[in-house]
ModelCIF file with pLDDT and N, C-alpha, C, O atoms, coordinates in Angstrom:
data_MODEL
#
_entry.id   MODEL 
#
_entity.id                         1 
_entity.type                       polymer 
_entity.pdbx_number_of_molecules   1 
#
_entity_poly.entity_id                      1 
_entity_poly.type                           'polypeptide(L)' 
_entity_poly.nstd_linkage                   no 
_entity_poly.nstd_monomer                   no 
_entity_poly.pdbx_seq_one_letter_code       LLRSKGIQQLATYTPSTETNNLAELDQQKSLSQAINNTKV 
_entity_poly.pdbx_seq_one_letter_code_can   LLRSKGIQQLATYTPSTETNNLAELDQQKSLSQAINNTKV 
_entity_poly.pdbx_strand_id                 A 
#
loop_
_entity_poly_seq.entity_id 
_entity_poly_seq.num 
_entity_poly_seq.mon_id 
_entity_poly_seq.hetero 
1 1  LEU n 
1 2  LEU n 
1 3  ARG n 
1 4  SER n 
1 5  LYS n 
1 6  GLY n 
1 7  ILE n 
1 8  GLN n 
1 9  GLN n 
1 10 LEU n 
1 11 ALA n 
1 12 THR n 
1 13 TYR n 
1 14 THR n 
1 15 PRO n 
1 16 SER n 
1 17 THR n 
1 18 GLU n 
1 19 THR n 
1 20 ASN n 
1 21 ASN n 
1 22 LEU n 
1 23 ALA n 
1 24 GLU n 
1 25 LEU n 
1 26 ASP n 
1 27 GLN n 
1 28 GLN n 
1 29 LYS n 
1 30 SER n 
1 31 LEU n 
1 32 SER n 
1 33 GLN n 
1 34 ALA n 
1 35 ILE n 
1 36 ASN n 
1 37 ASN n 
1 38 THR n 
1 39 LYS n 
1 40 VAL n 
#
_struct_asym.id          A 
_struct_asym.entity_id   1 
#
loop_
_ma_qa_metric.id 
_ma_qa_metric.mode 
_ma_qa_metric.name 
_ma_qa_metric.software_group_id 
_ma_qa_metric.type 
1 global pLDDT . pLDDT 
2 local  pLDDT . pLDDT 
#
_ma_qa_metric_global.metric_id      1 
_ma_qa_metric_global.metric_value   80.58 
_ma_qa_metric_global.model_id       1 
_ma_qa_metric_global.ordinal_id     1 
#
loop_
_ma_qa_metric_local.label_asym_id 
_ma_qa_metric_local.label_comp_id 
_ma_qa_metric_local.label_seq_id 
_ma_qa_metric_local.metric_id 
_ma_qa_metric_local.metric_value 
_ma_qa_metric_local.model_id 
_ma_qa_metric_local.ordinal_id 
A LEU 1  2 97.00 1 1  
A LEU 2  2 97.00 1 2  
A ARG 3  2 95.00 1 3  
A SER 4  2 94.00 1 4  
A LYS 5  2 94.00 1 5  
A GLY 6  2 92.00 1 6  
A ILE 7  2 94.00 1 7  
A GLN 8  2 89.00 1 8  
A GLN 9  2 90.00 1 9  
A LEU 10 2 95.00 1 10 
A ALA 11 2 94.00 1 11 
A THR 12 2 93.00 1 12 
A TYR 13 2 91.00 1 13 
A THR 14 2 82.00 1 14 
A PRO 15 2 74.00 1 15 
A SER 16 2 67.00 1 16 
A THR 17 2 57.00 1 17 
A GLU 18 2 56.00 1 18 
A THR 19 2 53.00 1 19 
A ASN 20 2 53.00 1 20 
A ASN 21 2 54.00 1 21 
A LEU 22 2 53.00 1 22 
A ALA 23 2 45.00 1 23 
A GLU 24 2 52.00 1 24 
A LEU 25 2 63.00 1 25 
A ASP 26 2 81.00 1 26 
A GLN 27 2 84.00 1 27 
A GLN 28 2 82.00 1 28 
A LYS 29 2 85.00 1 29 
A SER 30 2 85.00 1 30 
A LEU 31 2 85.00 1 31 
A SER 32 2 87.00 1 32 
A GLN 33 2 88.00 1 33 
A ALA 34 2 89.00 1 34 
A ILE 35 2 88.00 1 35 
A ASN 36 2 87.00 1 36 
A ASN 37 2 89.00 1 37 
A THR 38 2 90.00 1 38 
A LYS 39 2 89.00 1 39 
A VAL 40 2 90.00 1 40 
#
loop_
_atom_site.group_PDB 
_atom_site.id 
_atom_site.type_symbol 
_atom_site.label_atom_id 
_atom_site.label_alt_id 
_atom_site.label_comp_id 
_atom_site.label_asym_id 
_atom_site.label_entity_id 
_atom_site.label_seq_id 
_atom_site.pdbx_PDB_ins_code 
_atom_site.Cartn_x 
_atom_site.Cartn_y 
_atom_site.Cartn_z 
_atom_site.occupancy 
_atom_site.B_iso_or_equiv 
_atom_site.pdbx_formal_charge 
_atom_site.auth_seq_id 
_atom_site.auth_comp_id 
_atom_site.auth_asym_id 
_atom_site.auth_atom_id 
_atom_site.pdbx_PDB_model_num 
ATOM 1   N N  . LEU A 1 1  ? 33.661 8.299  -36.202 1.00 97.00 ? 1  LEU A N  1 
ATOM 2   C CA . LEU A 1 1  ? 33.329 6.916  -35.855 1.00 97.00 ? 1  LEU A CA 1 
ATOM 3   C C  . LEU A 1 1  ? 32.218 6.848  -34.816 1.00 97.00 ? 1  LEU A C  1 
ATOM 4   O O  . LEU A 1 1  ? 31.358 5.970  -34.893 1.00 97.00 ? 1  LEU A O  1 
ATOM 5   N N  . LEU A 1 2  ? 32.221 7.751  -33.854 1.00 97.00 ? 2  LEU A N  1 
ATOM 6   C CA . LEU A 1 2  ? 31.176 7.766  -32.828 1.00 97.00 ? 2  LEU A CA 1 
ATOM 7   C C  . LEU A 1 2  ? 29.818 8.126  -33.432 1.00 97.00 ? 2  LEU A C  1 
ATOM 8   O O  . LEU A 1 2  ? 28.796 7.554  -33.053 1.00 97.00 ? 2  LEU A O  1 
ATOM 9   N N  . ARG A 1 3  ? 29.809 9.059  -34.355 1.00 95.00 ? 3  ARG A N  1 
ATOM 10  C CA . ARG A 1 3  ? 28.548 9.404  -35.026 1.00 95.00 ? 3  ARG A CA 1 
ATOM 11  C C  . ARG A 1 3  ? 28.015 8.215  -35.827 1.00 95.00 ? 3  ARG A C  1 
ATOM 12  O O  . ARG A 1 3  ? 26.809 7.968  -35.852 1.00 95.00 ? 3  ARG A O  1 
ATOM 13  N N  . SER A 1 4  ? 28.907 7.489  -36.473 1.00 94.00 ? 4  SER A N  1 
ATOM 14  C CA . SER A 1 4  ? 28.463 6.327  -37.248 1.00 94.00 ? 4  SER A CA 1 
ATOM 15  C C  . SER A 1 4  ? 27.970 5.205  -36.338 1.00 94.00 ? 4  SER A C  1 
ATOM 16  O O  . SER A 1 4  ? 27.250 4.314  -36.787 1.00 94.00 ? 4  SER A O  1 
ATOM 17  N N  . LYS A 1 5  ? 28.351 5.244  -35.066 1.00 94.00 ? 5  LYS A N  1 
ATOM 18  C CA . LYS A 1 5  ? 27.885 4.255  -34.095 1.00 94.00 ? 5  LYS A CA 1 
ATOM 19  C C  . LYS A 1 5  ? 26.528 4.638  -33.514 1.00 94.00 ? 5  LYS A C  1 
ATOM 20  O O  . LYS A 1 5  ? 25.936 3.857  -32.769 1.00 94.00 ? 5  LYS A O  1 
ATOM 21  N N  . GLY A 1 6  ? 26.029 5.826  -33.841 1.00 92.00 ? 6  GLY A N  1 
ATOM 22  C CA . GLY A 1 6  ? 24.702 6.223  -33.393 1.00 92.00 ? 6  GLY A CA 1 
ATOM 23  C C  . GLY A 1 6  ? 24.647 7.414  -32.467 1.00 92.00 ? 6  GLY A C  1 
ATOM 24  O O  . GLY A 1 6  ? 23.559 7.821  -32.061 1.00 92.00 ? 6  GLY A O  1 
ATOM 25  N N  . ILE A 1 7  ? 25.781 7.984  -32.120 1.00 94.00 ? 7  ILE A N  1 
ATOM 26  C CA . ILE A 1 7  ? 25.796 9.154  -31.239 1.00 94.00 ? 7  ILE A CA 1 
ATOM 27  C C  . ILE A 1 7  ? 25.636 10.394 -32.112 1.00 94.00 ? 7  ILE A C  1 
ATOM 28  O O  . ILE A 1 7  ? 26.618 10.968 -32.583 1.00 94.00 ? 7  ILE A O  1 
ATOM 29  N N  . GLN A 1 8  ? 24.388 10.796 -32.321 1.00 89.00 ? 8  GLN A N  1 
ATOM 30  C CA . GLN A 1 8  ? 24.114 11.921 -33.209 1.00 89.00 ? 8  GLN A CA 1 
ATOM 31  C C  . GLN A 1 8  ? 24.262 13.266 -32.518 1.00 89.00 ? 8  GLN A C  1 
ATOM 32  O O  . GLN A 1 8  ? 24.533 14.268 -33.179 1.00 89.00 ? 8  GLN A O  1 
ATOM 33  N N  . GLN A 1 9  ? 24.090 13.309 -31.196 1.00 90.00 ? 9  GLN A N  1 
ATOM 34  C CA . GLN A 1 9  ? 24.211 14.573 -30.460 1.00 90.00 ? 9  GLN A CA 1 
ATOM 35  C C  . GLN A 1 9  ? 25.637 14.727 -29.931 1.00 90.00 ? 9  GLN A C  1 
ATOM 36  O O  . GLN A 1 9  ? 25.849 14.921 -28.734 1.00 90.00 ? 9  GLN A O  1 
ATOM 37  N N  . LEU A 1 10 ? 26.603 14.638 -30.835 1.00 95.00 ? 10 LEU A N  1 
ATOM 38  C CA . LEU A 1 10 ? 28.015 14.767 -30.479 1.00 95.00 ? 10 LEU A CA 1 
ATOM 39  C C  . LEU A 1 10 ? 28.546 16.100 -30.989 1.00 95.00 ? 10 LEU A C  1 
ATOM 40  O O  . LEU A 1 10 ? 28.636 16.331 -32.195 1.00 95.00 ? 10 LEU A O  1 
ATOM 41  N N  . ALA A 1 11 ? 28.892 16.960 -30.061 1.00 94.00 ? 11 ALA A N  1 
ATOM 42  C CA . ALA A 1 11 ? 29.484 18.248 -30.413 1.00 94.00 ? 11 ALA A CA 1 
ATOM 43  C C  . ALA A 1 11 ? 30.996 18.140 -30.264 1.00 94.00 ? 11 ALA A C  1 
ATOM 44  O O  . ALA A 1 11 ? 31.501 17.232 -29.603 1.00 94.00 ? 11 ALA A O  1 
ATOM 45  N N  . THR A 1 12 ? 31.699 19.052 -30.871 1.00 93.00 ? 12 THR A N  1 
ATOM 46  C CA . THR A 1 12 ? 33.151 19.111 -30.716 1.00 93.00 ? 12 THR A CA 1 
ATOM 47  C C  . THR A 1 12 ? 33.478 20.348 -29.890 1.00 93.00 ? 12 THR A C  1 
ATOM 48  O O  . THR A 1 12 ? 33.063 21.457 -30.228 1.00 93.00 ? 12 THR A O  1 
ATOM 49  N N  . TYR A 1 13 ? 34.219 20.154 -28.811 1.00 91.00 ? 13 TYR A N  1 
ATOM 50  C CA . TYR A 1 13 ? 34.586 21.270 -27.961 1.00 91.00 ? 13 TYR A CA 1 
ATOM 51  C C  . TYR A 1 13 ? 35.582 22.153 -28.685 1.00 91.00 ? 13 TYR A C  1 
ATOM 52  O O  . TYR A 1 13 ? 36.585 21.675 -29.215 1.00 91.00 ? 13 TYR A O  1 
ATOM 53  N N  . THR A 1 14 ? 35.299 23.434 -28.702 1.00 82.00 ? 14 THR A N  1 
ATOM 54  C CA . THR A 1 14 ? 36.247 24.408 -29.232 1.00 82.00 ? 14 THR A CA 1 
ATOM 55  C C  . THR A 1 14 ? 36.530 25.425 -28.138 1.00 82.00 ? 14 THR A C  1 
ATOM 56  O O  . THR A 1 14 ? 35.600 26.005 -27.578 1.00 82.00 ? 14 THR A O  1 
ATOM 57  N N  . PRO A 1 15 ? 37.791 25.646 -27.828 1.00 74.00 ? 15 PRO A N  1 
ATOM 58  C CA . PRO A 1 15 ? 38.120 26.605 -26.777 1.00 74.00 ? 15 PRO A CA 1 
ATOM 59  C C  . PRO A 1 15 ? 37.705 28.019 -27.178 1.00 74.00 ? 15 PRO A C  1 
ATOM 60  O O  . PRO A 1 15 ? 37.616 28.344 -28.362 1.00 74.00 ? 15 PRO A O  1 
ATOM 61  N N  . SER A 1 16 ? 37.457 28.844 -26.180 1.00 67.00 ? 16 SER A N  1 
ATOM 62  C CA . SER A 1 16 ? 37.058 30.223 -26.459 1.00 67.00 ? 16 SER A CA 1 
ATOM 63  C C  . SER A 1 16 ? 38.205 30.957 -27.153 1.00 67.00 ? 16 SER A C  1 
ATOM 64  O O  . SER A 1 16 ? 39.372 30.591 -27.007 1.00 67.00 ? 16 SER A O  1 
ATOM 65  N N  . THR A 1 17 ? 37.860 31.975 -27.893 1.00 57.00 ? 17 THR A N  1 
ATOM 66  C CA . THR A 1 17 ? 38.876 32.755 -28.610 1.00 57.00 ? 17 THR A CA 1 
ATOM 67  C C  . THR A 1 17 ? 39.713 33.585 -27.649 1.00 57.00 ? 17 THR A C  1 
ATOM 68  O O  . THR A 1 17 ? 40.759 34.117 -28.020 1.00 57.00 ? 17 THR A O  1 
ATOM 69  N N  . GLU A 1 18 ? 39.241 33.690 -26.408 1.00 56.00 ? 18 GLU A N  1 
ATOM 70  C CA . GLU A 1 18 ? 39.989 34.445 -25.407 1.00 56.00 ? 18 GLU A CA 1 
ATOM 71  C C  . GLU A 1 18 ? 41.135 33.638 -24.809 1.00 56.00 ? 18 GLU A C  1 
ATOM 72  O O  . GLU A 1 18 ? 41.949 34.176 -24.058 1.00 56.00 ? 18 GLU A O  1 
ATOM 73  N N  . THR A 1 19 ? 41.200 32.355 -25.137 1.00 53.00 ? 19 THR A N  1 
ATOM 74  C CA . THR A 1 19 ? 42.220 31.490 -24.570 1.00 53.00 ? 19 THR A CA 1 
ATOM 75  C C  . THR A 1 19 ? 43.607 31.965 -24.982 1.00 53.00 ? 19 THR A C  1 
ATOM 76  O O  . THR A 1 19 ? 43.858 32.251 -26.152 1.00 53.00 ? 19 THR A O  1 
ATOM 77  N N  . ASN A 1 20 ? 44.474 32.042 -24.034 1.00 53.00 ? 20 ASN A N  1 
ATOM 78  C CA . ASN A 1 20 ? 45.863 32.423 -24.272 1.00 53.00 ? 20 ASN A CA 1 
ATOM 79  C C  . ASN A 1 20 ? 46.566 31.282 -24.997 1.00 53.00 ? 20 ASN A C  1 
ATOM 80  O O  . ASN A 1 20 ? 46.442 30.129 -24.584 1.00 53.00 ? 20 ASN A O  1 
ATOM 81  N N  . ASN A 1 21 ? 47.289 31.568 -26.048 1.00 54.00 ? 21 ASN A N  1 
ATOM 82  C CA . ASN A 1 21 ? 47.987 30.527 -26.795 1.00 54.00 ? 21 ASN A CA 1 
ATOM 83  C C  . ASN A 1 21 ? 48.992 29.773 -25.936 1.00 54.00 ? 21 ASN A C  1 
ATOM 84  O O  . ASN A 1 21 ? 49.225 28.586 -26.163 1.00 54.00 ? 21 ASN A O  1 
ATOM 85  N N  . LEU A 1 22 ? 49.588 30.439 -24.956 1.00 53.00 ? 22 LEU A N  1 
ATOM 86  C CA . LEU A 1 22 ? 50.526 29.753 -24.077 1.00 53.00 ? 22 LEU A CA 1 
ATOM 87  C C  . LEU A 1 22 ? 49.824 28.710 -23.227 1.00 53.00 ? 22 LEU A C  1 
ATOM 88  O O  . LEU A 1 22 ? 50.414 27.685 -22.886 1.00 53.00 ? 22 LEU A O  1 
ATOM 89  N N  . ALA A 1 23 ? 48.557 28.965 -22.880 1.00 45.00 ? 23 ALA A N  1 
ATOM 90  C CA . ALA A 1 23 ? 47.797 27.986 -22.097 1.00 45.00 ? 23 ALA A CA 1 
ATOM 91  C C  . ALA A 1 23 ? 47.585 26.707 -22.906 1.00 45.00 ? 23 ALA A C  1 
ATOM 92  O O  . ALA A 1 23 ? 47.471 25.623 -22.333 1.00 45.00 ? 23 ALA A O  1 
ATOM 93  N N  . GLU A 1 24 ? 47.533 26.826 -24.235 1.00 52.00 ? 24 GLU A N  1 
ATOM 94  C CA . GLU A 1 24 ? 47.357 25.652 -25.080 1.00 52.00 ? 24 GLU A CA 1 
ATOM 95  C C  . GLU A 1 24 ? 48.522 24.680 -24.929 1.00 52.00 ? 24 GLU A C  1 
ATOM 96  O O  . GLU A 1 24 ? 48.374 23.479 -25.154 1.00 52.00 ? 24 GLU A O  1 
ATOM 97  N N  . LEU A 1 25 ? 49.675 25.207 -24.548 1.00 63.00 ? 25 LEU A N  1 
ATOM 98  C CA . LEU A 1 25 ? 50.828 24.341 -24.360 1.00 63.00 ? 25 LEU A CA 1 
ATOM 99  C C  . LEU A 1 25 ? 50.649 23.433 -23.149 1.00 63.00 ? 25 LEU A C  1 
ATOM 100 O O  . LEU A 1 25 ? 51.226 22.347 -23.099 1.00 63.00 ? 25 LEU A O  1 
ATOM 101 N N  . ASP A 1 26 ? 49.862 23.865 -22.183 1.00 81.00 ? 26 ASP A N  1 
ATOM 102 C CA . ASP A 1 26 ? 49.566 23.061 -21.006 1.00 81.00 ? 26 ASP A CA 1 
ATOM 103 C C  . ASP A 1 26 ? 48.301 22.265 -21.301 1.00 81.00 ? 26 ASP A C  1 
ATOM 104 O O  . ASP A 1 26 ? 47.192 22.689 -20.975 1.00 81.00 ? 26 ASP A O  1 
ATOM 105 N N  . GLN A 1 27 ? 48.486 21.110 -21.922 1.00 84.00 ? 27 GLN A N  1 
ATOM 106 C CA . GLN A 1 27 ? 47.354 20.320 -22.384 1.00 84.00 ? 27 GLN A CA 1 
ATOM 107 C C  . GLN A 1 27 ? 46.420 19.896 -21.258 1.00 84.00 ? 27 GLN A C  1 
ATOM 108 O O  . GLN A 1 27 ? 45.201 19.909 -21.428 1.00 84.00 ? 27 GLN A O  1 
ATOM 109 N N  . GLN A 1 28 ? 46.973 19.524 -20.122 1.00 82.00 ? 28 GLN A N  1 
ATOM 110 C CA . GLN A 1 28 ? 46.142 19.067 -19.015 1.00 82.00 ? 28 GLN A CA 1 
ATOM 111 C C  . GLN A 1 28 ? 45.255 20.201 -18.505 1.00 82.00 ? 28 GLN A C  1 
ATOM 112 O O  . GLN A 1 28 ? 44.090 19.980 -18.174 1.00 82.00 ? 28 GLN A O  1 
ATOM 113 N N  . LYS A 1 29 ? 45.802 21.403 -18.444 1.00 85.00 ? 29 LYS A N  1 
ATOM 114 C CA . LYS A 1 29 ? 45.019 22.565 -18.015 1.00 85.00 ? 29 LYS A CA 1 
ATOM 115 C C  . LYS A 1 29 ? 43.901 22.834 -19.021 1.00 85.00 ? 29 LYS A C  1 
ATOM 116 O O  . LYS A 1 29 ? 42.766 23.112 -18.632 1.00 85.00 ? 29 LYS A O  1 
ATOM 117 N N  . SER A 1 30 ? 44.219 22.752 -20.307 1.00 85.00 ? 30 SER A N  1 
ATOM 118 C CA . SER A 1 30 ? 43.217 22.965 -21.350 1.00 85.00 ? 30 SER A CA 1 
ATOM 119 C C  . SER A 1 30 ? 42.115 21.917 -21.272 1.00 85.00 ? 30 SER A C  1 
ATOM 120 O O  . SER A 1 30 ? 40.942 22.236 -21.462 1.00 85.00 ? 30 SER A O  1 
ATOM 121 N N  . LEU A 1 31 ? 42.484 20.670 -20.993 1.00 85.00 ? 31 LEU A N  1 
ATOM 122 C CA . LEU A 1 31 ? 41.493 19.605 -20.885 1.00 85.00 ? 31 LEU A CA 1 
ATOM 123 C C  . LEU A 1 31 ? 40.585 19.833 -19.678 1.00 85.00 ? 31 LEU A C  1 
ATOM 124 O O  . LEU A 1 31 ? 39.369 19.672 -19.781 1.00 85.00 ? 31 LEU A O  1 
ATOM 125 N N  . SER A 1 32 ? 41.160 20.204 -18.543 1.00 87.00 ? 32 SER A N  1 
ATOM 126 C CA . SER A 1 32 ? 40.353 20.489 -17.345 1.00 87.00 ? 32 SER A CA 1 
ATOM 127 C C  . SER A 1 32 ? 39.377 21.621 -17.607 1.00 87.00 ? 32 SER A C  1 
ATOM 128 O O  . SER A 1 32 ? 38.225 21.569 -17.179 1.00 87.00 ? 32 SER A O  1 
ATOM 129 N N  . GLN A 1 33 ? 39.839 22.638 -18.307 1.00 88.00 ? 33 GLN A N  1 
ATOM 130 C CA . GLN A 1 33 ? 38.977 23.764 -18.657 1.00 88.00 ? 33 GLN A CA 1 
ATOM 131 C C  . GLN A 1 33 ? 37.858 23.300 -19.594 1.00 88.00 ? 33 GLN A C  1 
ATOM 132 O O  . GLN A 1 33 ? 36.712 23.724 -19.441 1.00 88.00 ? 33 GLN A O  1 
ATOM 133 N N  . ALA A 1 34 ? 38.173 22.448 -20.547 1.00 89.00 ? 34 ALA A N  1 
ATOM 134 C CA . ALA A 1 34 ? 37.170 21.925 -21.479 1.00 89.00 ? 34 ALA A CA 1 
ATOM 135 C C  . ALA A 1 34 ? 36.110 21.125 -20.735 1.00 89.00 ? 34 ALA A C  1 
ATOM 136 O O  . ALA A 1 34 ? 34.920 21.270 -21.013 1.00 89.00 ? 34 ALA A O  1 
ATOM 137 N N  . ILE A 1 35 ? 36.525 20.285 -19.794 1.00 88.00 ? 35 ILE A N  1 
ATOM 138 C CA . ILE A 1 35 ? 35.578 19.478 -19.022 1.00 88.00 ? 35 ILE A CA 1 
ATOM 139 C C  . ILE A 1 35 ? 34.660 20.386 -18.204 1.00 88.00 ? 35 ILE A C  1 
ATOM 140 O O  . ILE A 1 35 ? 33.446 20.185 -18.184 1.00 88.00 ? 35 ILE A O  1 
ATOM 141 N N  . ASN A 1 36 ? 35.228 21.374 -17.539 1.00 87.00 ? 36 ASN A N  1 
ATOM 142 C CA . ASN A 1 36 ? 34.411 22.302 -16.749 1.00 87.00 ? 36 ASN A CA 1 
ATOM 143 C C  . ASN A 1 36 ? 33.424 23.075 -17.618 1.00 87.00 ? 36 ASN A C  1 
ATOM 144 O O  . ASN A 1 36 ? 32.255 23.219 -17.259 1.00 87.00 ? 36 ASN A O  1 
ATOM 145 N N  . ASN A 1 37 ? 33.894 23.570 -18.758 1.00 89.00 ? 37 ASN A N  1 
ATOM 146 C CA . ASN A 1 37 ? 33.021 24.343 -19.646 1.00 89.00 ? 37 ASN A CA 1 
ATOM 147 C C  . ASN A 1 37 ? 31.893 23.501 -20.221 1.00 89.00 ? 37 ASN A C  1 
ATOM 148 O O  . ASN A 1 37 ? 30.752 23.960 -20.273 1.00 89.00 ? 37 ASN A O  1 
ATOM 149 N N  . THR A 1 38 ? 32.183 22.295 -20.648 1.00 90.00 ? 38 THR A N  1 
ATOM 150 C CA . THR A 1 38 ? 31.146 21.458 -21.257 1.00 90.00 ? 38 THR A CA 1 
ATOM 151 C C  . THR A 1 38 ? 30.148 20.952 -20.216 1.00 90.00 ? 38 THR A C  1 
ATOM 152 O O  . THR A 1 38 ? 28.970 20.767 -20.525 1.00 90.00 ? 38 THR A O  1 
ATOM 153 N N  . LYS A 1 39 ? 30.601 20.732 -19.013 1.00 89.00 ? 39 LYS A N  1 
ATOM 154 C CA . LYS A 1 39 ? 29.704 20.315 -17.931 1.00 89.00 ? 39 LYS A CA 1 
ATOM 155 C C  . LYS A 1 39 ? 28.676 21.416 -17.677 1.00 89.00 ? 39 LYS A C  1 
ATOM 156 O O  . LYS A 1 39 ? 27.485 21.138 -17.536 1.00 89.00 ? 39 LYS A O  1 
ATOM 157 N N  . VAL A 1 40 ? 29.140 22.663 -17.620 1.00 90.00 ? 40 VAL A N  1 
ATOM 158 C CA . VAL A 1 40 ? 28.257 23.812 -17.399 1.00 90.00 ? 40 VAL A CA 1 
ATOM 159 C C  . VAL A 1 40 ? 27.284 23.982 -18.572 1.00 90.00 ? 40 VAL A C  1 
ATOM 160 O O  . VAL A 1 40 ? 26.462 24.898 -18.564 1.00 90.00 ? 40 VAL A O  1 
#
């Protein structure tokens, strides 16, 4: 929907393959990590 609204430079964050599966259970931690990684 965002792309159809005109945001063509929209990437989808994918966590690194090194991410521990147990960390995925802590959604807030995963989100904080995603924000830090994408900012960099």
